[in-house]
């Protein structure tokens, strides 16, 4: 995959994220995510990341937040349903707010897509 940055094409690493909703020892999981990202950057020279996630509660959001801290990271959110239907899965208002903080954040670092029939 290549990221179009104006006049230059920069190789990009695509990362898919999926995991459990309920997590134990989140700090250890975050350490593992950071270590994995550091290893990828060491092996490939710090290319930008594109993370693909449906922003489910738990592991998805935890990983996405860490990846988006990296320079030039982008987010692709392929939703399996129309947004309003998908949001019915998040009953807690704080969870919906967290979803929107990632999904709807403006700027060139984020991109959203909807895939449903």
Protein backbone atom coordinates (compact mmCIF):
# COMPACT_ATOMS: atom_id res chain seq x y z
CA UNK A 1 0.00 0.00 0.00
CA UNK A 2 1.24 3.50 -0.80
CA UNK A 3 0.17 6.73 0.89
CA UNK A 4 -0.16 9.71 -1.43
CA UNK A 5 1.44 12.67 0.37
CA UNK A 6 1.31 15.42 -2.20
CA UNK A 7 4.18 14.93 -4.60
CA UNK A 8 5.66 11.84 -2.92
CA UNK A 9 4.45 8.29 -2.49
CA UNK A 10 5.34 6.79 0.88
CA UNK A 11 5.01 3.07 1.69
CA UNK A 12 2.34 2.43 4.32
CA UNK A 13 1.82 -0.43 6.76
CA UNK A 14 -1.79 -1.64 7.04
CA UNK A 15 -2.82 -3.02 10.44
CA UNK A 16 -6.09 -4.80 11.11
CA UNK A 17 -7.42 -4.70 14.66
CA UNK A 18 -9.87 -7.08 16.27
CA UNK A 19 -10.00 -8.41 19.80
CA UNK A 20 -11.94 -9.00 22.99
CA UNK A 21 -14.42 -6.54 24.43
CA UNK A 22 -13.60 -7.17 28.08
CA UNK A 23 -9.92 -6.81 28.93
CA UNK A 24 -7.80 -7.56 31.97
CA UNK A 25 -4.46 -5.89 32.65
CA UNK A 26 -4.86 -3.17 30.02
CA UNK A 27 -1.47 -1.66 30.86
CA UNK A 28 0.25 -4.92 29.85
CA UNK A 29 -1.75 -5.01 26.63
CA UNK A 30 -0.74 -1.42 25.85
CA UNK A 31 2.90 -2.32 26.48
CA UNK A 32 2.56 -5.21 24.04
CA UNK A 33 0.96 -3.00 21.40
CA UNK A 34 3.71 -0.41 21.76
CA UNK A 35 6.40 -3.11 21.55
CA UNK A 36 4.82 -4.53 18.38
CA UNK A 37 4.62 -1.09 16.77
CA UNK A 38 8.22 -0.34 17.74
CA UNK A 39 9.32 -3.65 16.17
CA UNK A 40 7.45 -2.87 12.95
CA UNK A 41 8.98 0.60 12.80
CA UNK A 42 12.47 -0.80 13.47
CA UNK A 43 12.08 -3.36 10.70
CA UNK A 44 10.53 -1.03 8.10
CA UNK A 45 11.98 2.39 8.89
CA UNK A 46 8.98 4.07 10.56
CA UNK A 47 6.45 4.08 7.70
CA UNK A 48 3.00 5.55 8.35
CA UNK A 49 0.35 3.16 9.62
CA UNK A 50 -3.20 2.72 8.44
CA UNK A 51 -5.29 0.93 11.02
CA UNK A 52 -8.48 -0.82 9.96
CA UNK A 53 -10.95 -1.27 12.78
CA UNK A 54 -14.68 -1.20 13.46
CA UNK A 55 -13.89 0.60 16.74
CA UNK A 56 -15.57 -2.02 18.90
CA UNK A 57 -15.26 -1.67 22.65
CA UNK A 58 -12.17 -3.14 24.27
CA UNK A 59 -9.13 -4.28 22.31
CA UNK A 60 -10.11 -2.52 19.07
CA UNK A 61 -10.19 0.93 20.60
CA UNK A 62 -7.20 0.30 22.84
CA UNK A 63 -5.02 -0.62 19.86
CA UNK A 64 -6.39 2.15 17.63
CA UNK A 65 -5.58 4.80 20.23
CA UNK A 66 -1.99 3.61 20.45
CA UNK A 67 -1.54 3.40 16.69
CA UNK A 68 -2.98 6.88 16.11
CA UNK A 69 -0.32 8.30 18.42
CA UNK A 70 2.24 7.41 15.76
CA UNK A 71 3.14 10.06 13.20
CA UNK A 72 1.10 10.08 9.97
CA UNK A 73 -1.24 7.33 11.17
CA UNK A 74 -4.63 7.00 9.51
CA UNK A 75 -7.83 5.25 10.50
CA UNK A 76 -10.20 3.34 8.22
CA UNK A 77 -13.52 2.30 9.81
CA UNK A 78 -15.40 -0.26 7.67
CA UNK A 79 -18.80 -0.49 9.33
CA UNK A 80 -20.87 -3.64 8.74
CA UNK A 81 -24.12 -1.69 9.18
CA UNK A 82 -25.35 1.86 8.76
CA UNK A 83 -23.91 3.97 11.57
CA UNK A 84 -27.17 4.37 13.53
CA UNK A 85 -27.71 0.60 13.53
CA UNK A 86 -24.10 -0.11 14.49
CA UNK A 87 -24.28 2.28 17.45
CA UNK A 88 -27.11 0.28 19.04
CA UNK A 89 -24.40 -2.13 20.19
CA UNK A 90 -22.91 0.55 22.46
CA UNK A 91 -25.43 1.02 25.26
CA UNK A 92 -23.20 3.06 27.57
CA UNK A 93 -23.16 6.79 26.69
CA UNK A 94 -19.45 6.93 27.57
CA UNK A 95 -18.76 4.15 25.07
CA UNK A 96 -20.63 6.02 22.34
CA UNK A 97 -18.68 9.18 23.15
CA UNK A 98 -15.42 7.22 22.93
CA UNK A 99 -16.51 5.77 19.57
CA UNK A 100 -17.32 9.23 18.21
CA UNK A 101 -14.04 10.67 19.52
CA UNK A 102 -12.22 8.25 17.22
CA UNK A 103 -14.69 7.91 14.35
CA UNK A 104 -15.61 11.54 13.89
CA UNK A 105 -12.36 13.30 14.66
CA UNK A 106 -11.63 15.73 11.84
CA UNK A 107 -8.29 16.06 10.17
CA UNK A 108 -6.12 14.38 7.59
CA UNK A 109 -5.16 11.54 9.92
CA UNK A 110 -8.59 9.91 9.81
CA UNK A 111 -10.76 8.47 7.09
CA UNK A 112 -14.01 6.58 7.43
CA UNK A 113 -15.76 4.20 5.07
CA UNK A 114 -19.06 2.38 5.22
CA UNK A 115 -19.47 -1.08 3.73
CA UNK A 116 -22.93 -2.57 3.96
CA UNK A 117 -25.47 -4.03 1.61
